[in-house]
C-alpha atoms as a PDB file:
ATOM      1  CA  MET A   1      99.727  99.357 135.789  1.00  0.00           C
ATOM      2  CA  LYS A   2      96.696 100.686 134.265  1.00  0.00           C
ATOM      3  CA  ILE A   3      96.022 100.875 130.394  1.00  0.00           C
ATOM      4  CA  SER A   4      96.145 104.366 130.050  1.00  0.00           C
ATOM      5  CA  ILE A   5      99.498 105.051 132.115  1.00  0.00           C
ATOM      6  CA  LYS A   6     101.074 102.243 129.967  1.00  0.00           C
ATOM      7  CA  ALA A   7     100.020 103.729 126.851  1.00  0.00           C
ATOM      8  CA  GLU A   8     101.278 107.059 127.767  1.00  0.00           C
ATOM      9  CA  ASP A   9     104.688 105.732 128.590  1.00  0.00           C
ATOM     10  CA  ALA A  10     104.917 103.430 125.498  1.00  0.00           C
ATOM     11  CA  LEU A  11     104.539 106.459 123.381  1.00  0.00           C
ATOM     12  CA  PHE A  12     107.056 108.261 125.174  1.00  0.00           C
ATOM     13  CA  ARG A  13     109.332 105.672 124.887  1.00  0.00           C
ATOM     14  CA  LEU A  14     108.716 105.025 121.057  1.00  0.00           C
ATOM     15  CA  ARG A  15     109.738 108.505 120.386  1.00  0.00           C
ATOM     16  CA  GLU A  16     112.748 108.414 122.758  1.00  0.00           C
ATOM     17  CA  LYS A  17     113.913 105.625 120.710  1.00  0.00           C
ATOM     18  CA  ARG A  18     112.607 106.444 117.207  1.00  0.00           C
ATOM     19  CA  PRO A  19     112.633 102.204 116.466  1.00  0.00           C
ATOM     20  CA  LEU A  20     113.702 101.328 112.855  1.00  0.00           C
ATOM     21  CA  VAL A  21     110.735  99.740 111.729  1.00  0.00           C
ATOM     22  CA  HIS A  22     111.344  97.606 108.422  1.00  0.00           C
ATOM     23  CA  CYS A  23     108.370  97.363 106.186  1.00  0.00           C
ATOM     24  CA  ILE A  24     107.666  94.943 103.330  1.00  0.00           C
ATOM     25  CA  THR A  25     104.511  96.567 102.442  1.00  0.00           C
ATOM     26  CA  ASN A  26     101.649  96.992 100.066  1.00  0.00           C
ATOM     27  CA  TYR A  27     103.290  99.404  97.038  1.00  0.00           C
ATOM     28  CA  VAL A  28      99.450 101.256  96.752  1.00  0.00           C
ATOM     29  CA  THR A  29     100.147 102.512 100.441  1.00  0.00           C
ATOM     30  CA  ALA A  30     103.836 102.510 101.270  1.00  0.00           C
ATOM     31  CA  GLY A  31     104.471 106.253 101.196  1.00  0.00           C
ATOM     32  CA  ASP A  32     101.581 106.668 103.712  1.00  0.00           C
ATOM     33  CA  THR A  33     102.794 103.898 105.922  1.00  0.00           C
ATOM     34  CA  ALA A  34     106.108 105.319 106.353  1.00  0.00           C
ATOM     35  CA  ASN A  35     104.462 108.841 106.558  1.00  0.00           C
ATOM     36  CA  MET A  36     102.552 107.529 109.530  1.00  0.00           C
ATOM     37  CA  LEU A  37     105.699 105.940 111.211  1.00  0.00           C
ATOM     38  CA  LEU A  38     107.446 109.111 111.062  1.00  0.00           C
ATOM     39  CA  ALA A  39     104.699 111.046 112.369  1.00  0.00           C
ATOM     40  CA  ALA A  40     104.278 108.958 115.245  1.00  0.00           C
ATOM     41  CA  GLY A  41     108.132 109.227 116.107  1.00  0.00           C
ATOM     42  CA  ALA A  42     109.377 105.770 114.889  1.00  0.00           C
ATOM     43  CA  SER A  43     111.713 105.592 111.247  1.00  0.00           C
ATOM     44  CA  PRO A  44     110.732 103.476 108.386  1.00  0.00           C
ATOM     45  CA  ILE A  45     112.735 101.785 106.251  1.00  0.00           C
ATOM     46  CA  MET A  46     110.788 100.233 103.076  1.00  0.00           C
ATOM     47  CA  ALA A  47     113.559  97.776 101.685  1.00  0.00           C
ATOM     48  CA  ASP A  48     111.714  95.211  99.896  1.00  0.00           C
ATOM     49  CA  ASP A  49     114.359  93.079  97.485  1.00  0.00           C
ATOM     50  CA  PRO A  50     115.189  89.715  98.607  1.00  0.00           C
ATOM     51  CA  ASN A  51     118.760  90.193  98.031  1.00  0.00           C
ATOM     52  CA  GLU A  52     118.769  92.496 101.342  1.00  0.00           C
ATOM     53  CA  THR A  53     115.683  91.855 103.277  1.00  0.00           C
ATOM     54  CA  ALA A  54     117.721  89.882 105.429  1.00  0.00           C
ATOM     55  CA  GLU A  55     120.538  92.194 106.320  1.00  0.00           C
ATOM     56  CA  VAL A  56     118.156  95.183 106.738  1.00  0.00           C
ATOM     57  CA  ALA A  57     116.157  93.426 109.053  1.00  0.00           C
ATOM     58  CA  LEU A  58     119.140  92.362 111.411  1.00  0.00           C
ATOM     59  CA  ALA A  59     119.549  96.379 111.643  1.00  0.00           C
ATOM     60  CA  ALA A  60     115.837  96.871 112.723  1.00  0.00           C
ATOM     61  CA  ASP A  61     114.073  97.113 115.896  1.00  0.00           C
ATOM     62  CA  ALA A  62     110.528  95.572 114.148  1.00  0.00           C
ATOM     63  CA  ALA A  63     109.711  93.612 110.954  1.00  0.00           C
ATOM     64  CA  VAL A  64     106.256  94.372 109.209  1.00  0.00           C
ATOM     65  CA  LEU A  65     105.241  91.953 106.221  1.00  0.00           C
ATOM     66  CA  ASN A  66     102.211  93.340 104.360  1.00  0.00           C
ATOM     67  CA  MET A  67     100.760  90.742 101.854  1.00  0.00           C
ATOM     68  CA  GLY A  68      98.752  93.701 100.012  1.00  0.00           C
ATOM     69  CA  THR A  69     100.508  93.490  96.827  1.00  0.00           C
ATOM     70  CA  LEU A  70     101.843  90.052  97.002  1.00  0.00           C
ATOM     71  CA  SER A  71     103.870  88.493  94.462  1.00  0.00           C
ATOM     72  CA  GLU A  72     106.794  85.481  94.544  1.00  0.00           C
ATOM     73  CA  LYS A  73     109.585  88.011  94.812  1.00  0.00           C
ATOM     74  CA  ARG A  74     107.715  89.726  97.578  1.00  0.00           C
ATOM     75  CA  LEU A  75     106.648  86.478  99.350  1.00  0.00           C
ATOM     76  CA  ALA A  76     110.714  85.496  99.274  1.00  0.00           C
ATOM     77  CA  ALA A  77     111.904  88.990 100.709  1.00  0.00           C
ATOM     78  CA  MET A  78     109.300  88.356 103.562  1.00  0.00           C
ATOM     79  CA  ILE A  79     110.730  85.124 104.533  1.00  0.00           C
ATOM     80  CA  ALA A  80     114.112  86.307 104.430  1.00  0.00           C
ATOM     81  CA  ALA A  81     113.554  89.393 106.458  1.00  0.00           C
ATOM     82  CA  GLY A  82     111.052  87.292 109.001  1.00  0.00           C
ATOM     83  CA  LYS A  83     113.996  84.748 109.506  1.00  0.00           C
ATOM     84  CA  SER A  84     116.277  87.605 109.930  1.00  0.00           C
ATOM     85  CA  ALA A  85     113.913  89.184 112.537  1.00  0.00           C
ATOM     86  CA  ASN A  86     113.626  85.597 114.482  1.00  0.00           C
ATOM     87  CA  GLU A  87     117.315  85.295 114.761  1.00  0.00           C
ATOM     88  CA  ASN A  88     117.806  89.155 115.932  1.00  0.00           C
ATOM     89  CA  GLY A  89     115.077  88.479 118.554  1.00  0.00           C
ATOM     90  CA  ILE A  90     112.485  91.284 117.061  1.00  0.00           C
ATOM     91  CA  ALA A  91     108.884  91.191 116.705  1.00  0.00           C
ATOM     92  CA  VAL A  92     107.378  90.130 113.289  1.00  0.00           C
ATOM     93  CA  VAL A  93     103.923  91.745 112.443  1.00  0.00           C
ATOM     94  CA  LEU A  94     102.086  90.123 109.625  1.00  0.00           C
ATOM     95  CA  ASP A  95      99.139  91.643 107.638  1.00  0.00           C
ATOM     96  CA  PRO A  96      97.293  89.020 105.919  1.00  0.00           C
ATOM     97  CA  VAL A  97      95.677  90.967 103.271  1.00  0.00           C
ATOM     98  CA  GLY A  98      93.236  89.004 101.484  1.00  0.00           C
ATOM     99  CA  VAL A  99      94.359  85.760 102.414  1.00  0.00           C
ATOM    100  CA  GLN A 100      90.925  84.285 102.016  1.00  0.00           C
ATOM    101  CA  LEU A 101      90.577  85.296  98.242  1.00  0.00           C
ATOM    102  CA  THR A 102      93.002  83.304  96.078  1.00  0.00           C
ATOM    103  CA  GLU A 103      95.054  79.967  96.523  1.00  0.00           C
ATOM    104  CA  PHE A 104      98.490  81.845  95.742  1.00  0.00           C
ATOM    105  CA  ARG A 105      97.615  84.084  99.044  1.00  0.00           C
ATOM    106  CA  ARG A 106      96.967  81.175 100.912  1.00  0.00           C
ATOM    107  CA  ARG A 107      99.617  79.366 100.162  1.00  0.00           C
ATOM    108  CA  ALA A 108     102.028  82.473 100.846  1.00  0.00           C
ATOM    109  CA  ALA A 109     100.397  82.403 104.743  1.00  0.00           C
ATOM    110  CA  GLU A 110     101.295  79.078 104.949  1.00  0.00           C
ATOM    111  CA  LYS A 111     104.639  79.153 104.182  1.00  0.00           C
ATOM    112  CA  ILE A 112     105.331  82.526 106.288  1.00  0.00           C
ATOM    113  CA  PHE A 113     103.598  80.573 109.235  1.00  0.00           C
ATOM    114  CA  SER A 114     105.617  77.458 108.602  1.00  0.00           C
ATOM    115  CA  GLU A 115     109.021  79.219 108.367  1.00  0.00           C
ATOM    116  CA  VAL A 116     108.707  82.716 110.642  1.00  0.00           C
ATOM    117  CA  LYS A 117     107.584  82.778 114.135  1.00  0.00           C
ATOM    118  CA  ILE A 118     104.740  85.704 113.638  1.00  0.00           C
ATOM    119  CA  SER A 119     104.285  87.751 116.856  1.00  0.00           C
ATOM    120  CA  ILE A 120     101.487  89.929 115.901  1.00  0.00           C
ATOM    121  CA  VAL A 121      98.794  89.277 113.434  1.00  0.00           C
ATOM    122  CA  ARG A 122      96.864  92.270 112.391  1.00  0.00           C
ATOM    123  CA  GLY A 123      93.612  91.666 110.241  1.00  0.00           C
ATOM    124  CA  ASN A 124      90.098  92.274 109.447  1.00  0.00           C
ATOM    125  CA  ILE A 125      87.654  89.840 110.886  1.00  0.00           C
ATOM    126  CA  SER A 126      87.459  87.832 107.418  1.00  0.00           C
ATOM    127  CA  GLU A 127      91.094  87.367 107.127  1.00  0.00           C
ATOM    128  CA  LEU A 128      91.314  86.259 110.941  1.00  0.00           C
ATOM    129  CA  SER A 129      88.355  84.069 110.534  1.00  0.00           C
ATOM    130  CA  PHE A 130      90.111  82.224 107.615  1.00  0.00           C
ATOM    131  CA  LEU A 131      93.171  81.932 109.338  1.00  0.00           C
ATOM    132  CA  ALA A 132      91.841  80.492 112.517  1.00  0.00           C
ATOM    133  CA  GLY A 133      89.946  77.700 110.394  1.00  0.00           C
ATOM    134  CA  ILE A 134      86.208  78.679 111.498  1.00  0.00           C
ATOM    135  CA  ALA A 135      85.089  80.441 107.679  1.00  0.00           C
ATOM    136  CA  ASP A 136      86.452  79.280 104.607  1.00  0.00           C
ATOM    137  CA  SER A 137      87.251  81.483 101.617  1.00  0.00           C
ATOM    138  CA  ALA A 138      83.578  81.182 100.288  1.00  0.00           C
ATOM    139  CA  GLU A 139      82.696  82.271 103.693  1.00  0.00           C
ATOM    140  CA  THR A 140      84.590  85.249 103.719  1.00  0.00           C
ATOM    141  CA  HIS A 141      84.230  88.761 102.389  1.00  0.00           C
ATOM    142  CA  GLY A 142      87.182  91.362 100.746  1.00  0.00           C
ATOM    143  CA  VAL A 143      89.937  92.924 102.306  1.00  0.00           C
ATOM    144  CA  ASP A 144      87.815  95.919 104.009  1.00  0.00           C
ATOM    145  CA  SER A 145      85.211  93.554 105.628  1.00  0.00           C
ATOM    146  CA  CYS A 146      84.045  94.417 109.070  1.00  0.00           C
ATOM    147  CA  GLY A 147      81.053  92.050 109.785  1.00  0.00           C
ATOM    148  CA  GLY A 148      80.933  88.753 112.025  1.00  0.00           C
ATOM    149  CA  MET A 149      82.179  88.538 115.155  1.00  0.00           C
ATOM    150  CA  PRO A 150      85.664  89.997 116.032  1.00  0.00           C
ATOM    151  CA  GLU A 151      86.120  88.519 119.618  1.00  0.00           C
ATOM    152  CA  LYS A 152      85.462  84.940 118.357  1.00  0.00           C
ATOM    153  CA  ALA A 153      87.651  85.642 115.004  1.00  0.00           C
ATOM    154  CA  ALA A 154      90.448  87.095 116.859  1.00  0.00           C
ATOM    155  CA  LYS A 155      90.470  84.272 119.907  1.00  0.00           C
ATOM    156  CA  ALA A 156      90.262  81.607 117.579  1.00  0.00           C
ATOM    157  CA  ALA A 157      93.186  82.700 115.183  1.00  0.00           C
ATOM    158  CA  ALA A 158      95.488  83.622 118.742  1.00  0.00           C
ATOM    159  CA  GLU A 159      94.807  80.041 120.067  1.00  0.00           C
ATOM    160  CA  LYS A 160      95.712  78.525 116.625  1.00  0.00           C
ATOM    161  CA  LEU A 161      98.621  80.428 115.509  1.00  0.00           C
ATOM    162  CA  GLY A 162     100.227  80.850 118.605  1.00  0.00           C
ATOM    163  CA  CYS A 163     100.330  84.916 118.579  1.00  0.00           C
ATOM    164  CA  VAL A 164      98.793  87.823 119.151  1.00  0.00           C
ATOM    165  CA  CYS A 165      95.786  88.911 116.837  1.00  0.00           C
ATOM    166  CA  ALA A 166      94.184  91.994 116.238  1.00  0.00           C
ATOM    167  CA  ALA A 167      90.816  91.872 114.368  1.00  0.00           C
ATOM    168  CA  THR A 168      90.099  95.412 113.628  1.00  0.00           C
ATOM    169  CA  GLY A 169      86.654  96.785 112.663  1.00  0.00           C
ATOM    170  CA  LYS A 170      83.938  98.988 114.190  1.00  0.00           C
ATOM    171  CA  THR A 171      85.037  97.511 117.523  1.00  0.00           C
ATOM    172  CA  ASP A 172      88.813  96.226 117.554  1.00  0.00           C
ATOM    173  CA  VAL A 173      89.861  93.131 119.607  1.00  0.00           C
ATOM    174  CA  ILE A 174      93.151  92.467 120.443  1.00  0.00           C
ATOM    175  CA  THR A 175      94.137  89.070 122.044  1.00  0.00           C
ATOM    176  CA  ASP A 176      96.935  86.512 122.818  1.00  0.00           C
ATOM    177  CA  GLY A 177      93.916  83.907 123.477  1.00  0.00           C
ATOM    178  CA  LYS A 178      93.694  84.707 126.998  1.00  0.00           C
ATOM    179  CA  THR A 179      93.652  88.428 127.785  1.00  0.00           C
ATOM    180  CA  VAL A 180      91.232  90.129 125.439  1.00  0.00           C
ATOM    181  CA  PHE A 181      91.033  93.738 125.052  1.00  0.00           C
ATOM    182  CA  ALA A 182      88.151  95.795 123.005  1.00  0.00           C
ATOM    183  CA  VAL A 183      89.371  98.996 121.643  1.00  0.00           C
ATOM    184  CA  LYS A 184      86.562 101.405 120.525  1.00  0.00           C
ATOM    185  CA  ASN A 185      88.447 104.214 119.302  1.00  0.00           C
ATOM    186  CA  GLY A 186      88.043 105.048 115.552  1.00  0.00           C
ATOM    187  CA  CYS A 187      85.571 106.480 112.603  1.00  0.00           C
ATOM    188  CA  GLY A 188      84.014 105.164 109.364  1.00  0.00           C
ATOM    189  CA  GLU A 189      85.691 107.630 107.494  1.00  0.00           C
ATOM    190  CA  LEU A 190      89.072 105.781 107.982  1.00  0.00           C
ATOM    191  CA  LYS A 191      87.564 103.114 105.914  1.00  0.00           C
ATOM    192  CA  ARG A 192      87.602 105.655 102.930  1.00  0.00           C
ATOM    193  CA  ILE A 193      91.000 106.009 102.756  1.00  0.00           C
ATOM    194  CA  THR A 194      93.534 103.681 101.013  1.00  0.00           C
ATOM    195  CA  GLY A 195      95.859 102.552 103.691  1.00  0.00           C
ATOM    196  CA  ALA A 196      94.711 102.942 107.145  1.00  0.00           C
ATOM    197  CA  GLY A 197      94.994  99.296 107.630  1.00  0.00           C
ATOM    198  CA  CYS A 198      98.520  99.134 106.249  1.00  0.00           C
ATOM    199  CA  MET A 199      99.311 101.678 108.546  1.00  0.00           C
ATOM    200  CA  THR A 200      97.545 100.456 111.676  1.00  0.00           C
ATOM    201  CA  THR A 201      99.865  97.043 111.461  1.00  0.00           C
ATOM    202  CA  ALA A 202     103.095  99.463 110.904  1.00  0.00           C
ATOM    203  CA  LEU A 203     102.213 101.386 113.941  1.00  0.00           C
ATOM    204  CA  CYS A 204     101.898  97.793 115.731  1.00  0.00           C
ATOM    205  CA  GLY A 205     105.264  97.340 114.343  1.00  0.00           C
ATOM    206  CA  ALA A 206     106.732 100.330 116.362  1.00  0.00           C
ATOM    207  CA  PHE A 207     105.188  99.924 119.700  1.00  0.00           C
ATOM    208  CA  SER A 208     106.529  96.374 119.622  1.00  0.00           C
ATOM    209  CA  ALA A 209     109.823  97.885 119.867  1.00  0.00           C
ATOM    210  CA  VAL A 210     109.252  99.352 123.141  1.00  0.00           C
ATOM    211  CA  THR A 211     106.550  96.755 124.770  1.00  0.00           C
ATOM    212  CA  GLU A 212     105.092  93.371 124.534  1.00  0.00           C
ATOM    213  CA  PRO A 213     103.139  92.183 121.642  1.00  0.00           C
ATOM    214  CA  LEU A 214      99.513  92.499 123.271  1.00  0.00           C
ATOM    215  CA  TYR A 215     100.190  95.823 124.254  1.00  0.00           C
ATOM    216  CA  ALA A 216     102.226  96.763 121.120  1.00  0.00           C
ATOM    217  CA  ALA A 217      98.913  95.462 119.077  1.00  0.00           C
ATOM    218  CA  LEU A 218      96.453  97.289 121.128  1.00  0.00           C
ATOM    219  CA  PHE A 219      98.259 100.902 121.366  1.00  0.00           C
ATOM    220  CA  GLY A 220      98.958 100.337 117.446  1.00  0.00           C
ATOM    221  CA  THR A 221      95.203 100.021 116.821  1.00  0.00           C
ATOM    222  CA  ALA A 222      94.123 102.670 119.223  1.00  0.00           C
ATOM    223  CA  PHE A 223      96.717 105.249 118.062  1.00  0.00           C
ATOM    224  CA  MET A 224      95.563 105.136 114.599  1.00  0.00           C
ATOM    225  CA  GLY A 225      91.705 104.919 115.503  1.00  0.00           C
ATOM    226  CA  ILE A 226      92.431 108.194 117.607  1.00  0.00           C
ATOM    227  CA  CYS A 227      94.080 109.897 114.461  1.00  0.00           C
ATOM    228  CA  GLY A 228      90.898 109.428 112.952  1.00  0.00           C
ATOM    229  CA  GLU A 229      88.831 110.551 114.905  1.00  0.00           C
ATOM    230  CA  LEU A 230      91.002 113.825 115.624  1.00  0.00           C
ATOM    231  CA  ALA A 231      91.018 114.142 112.271  1.00  0.00           C
ATOM    232  CA  LEU A 232      87.314 113.900 111.693  1.00  0.00           C
ATOM    233  CA  GLU A 233      86.826 116.473 114.394  1.00  0.00           C
ATOM    234  CA  LYS A 234      89.390 119.019 112.707  1.00  0.00           C
ATOM    235  CA  CYS A 235      88.002 118.629 109.157  1.00  0.00           C
ATOM    236  CA  GLY A 236      84.317 117.392 109.478  1.00  0.00           C
ATOM    237  CA  GLU A 237      82.514 114.778 107.030  1.00  0.00           C
ATOM    238  CA  ASN A 238      83.280 114.775 103.119  1.00  0.00           C
ATOM    239  CA  ALA A 239      86.237 116.446 103.243  1.00  0.00           C
ATOM    240  CA  MET A 240      88.482 113.217 102.523  1.00  0.00           C
ATOM    241  CA  GLY A 241      91.256 115.067 101.084  1.00  0.00           C
ATOM    242  CA  SER A 242      91.616 117.025 104.341  1.00  0.00           C
ATOM    243  CA  PHE A 243      90.901 114.333 106.465  1.00  0.00           C
ATOM    244  CA  HIS A 244      93.673 112.057 104.857  1.00  0.00           C
ATOM    245  CA  THR A 245      96.144 114.976 105.903  1.00  0.00           C
ATOM    246  CA  ALA A 246      94.832 115.765 109.181  1.00  0.00           C
ATOM    247  CA  VAL A 247      95.124 111.740 109.983  1.00  0.00           C
ATOM    248  CA  PHE A 248      98.894 112.640 109.661  1.00  0.00           C
ATOM    249  CA  ASP A 249      99.064 115.801 111.665  1.00  0.00           C
ATOM    250  CA  ALA A 250      96.977 113.792 114.426  1.00  0.00           C
ATOM    251  CA  ALA A 251      99.605 111.648 114.906  1.00  0.00           C
ATOM    252  CA  SER A 252     102.081 114.089 116.464  1.00  0.00           C
ATOM    253  CA  MET A 253      99.447 113.991 119.705  1.00  0.00           C
ATOM    254  CA  ASP A 254     101.604 113.759 122.807  1.00  0.00           C
ATOM    255  CA  GLY A 255     101.146 110.824 125.297  1.00  0.00           C
ATOM    256  CA  ILE A 256      98.727 112.611 127.405  1.00  0.00           C
ATOM    257  CA  LYS A 257      96.211 113.005 124.711  1.00  0.00           C
ATOM    258  CA  PHE A 258      96.675 109.327 123.943  1.00  0.00           C
ATOM    259  CA  SER A 259      96.041 107.984 127.303  1.00  0.00           C
ATOM    260  CA  GLU A 260      93.300 110.326 127.591  1.00  0.00           C
ATOM    261  CA  ARG A 261      91.596 109.463 124.431  1.00  0.00           C
ATOM    262  CA  LEU A 262      92.470 105.676 124.425  1.00  0.00           C
ATOM    263  CA  LYS A 263      88.916 103.588 124.769  1.00  0.00           C
ATOM    264  CA  ALA A 264      90.136 100.254 125.640  1.00  0.00           C
ATOM    265  CA  ASP A 265      88.872  97.608 128.123  1.00  0.00           C
ATOM    266  CA  GLU A 266      89.729  94.070 128.701  1.00  0.00           C
ATOM    267  CA  ILE A 267      86.752  91.980 128.326  1.00  0.00           C
END
């Protein structure tokens, strides 16, 4: 099946199913993440207390773990939800925000990978390079880094971690270690609003409820990129408040527009 046809079908099935996506995410961007899931057609639940996350994950169709505003309590909540999601047979998507920056984050990531089977990792090139072991913390940059070689970072991380990895940047690269896709959707303005990465990760989770992890990561990253493109076309440059709102407006695109605007190639 052609990628464009598969994309249209996946978006149709997402809106038909309205999957419940359990997000333990960055409190800075939790509202936008929930609103993006709603706009795309999914149903978010943002429960993050370790006393209930395992139970919530049992009712969900996907689990999204985001290390953006990490704490010991949130880490415990993530582990509990991830284990429960594994038992429930649903995908677990990890956003290893700033994993290379502090010892706490490095240890947290190690604990998550040791106790939870991760289906998709969505991060920037610095984060994936660090997780892949091809760069140390001194060689990587901040949470919004976009330099380096995304294909190398994504493939190395996928092979080491045994899951689908999506390295997002100017060109997004998604791979399971064998098949590699390059996605050229998006715009620079997405880096000027807080939460674009968090929303992308959540969208990968939403699509994972209706398609396999490789394509869920592909369609999640592309969908967010296309939302940025449509918002920029509507608002122009230097109108970031309007752009932010227009990103959510664009998420109502239908499957035909999604498939027509998708710029993804296997490489």
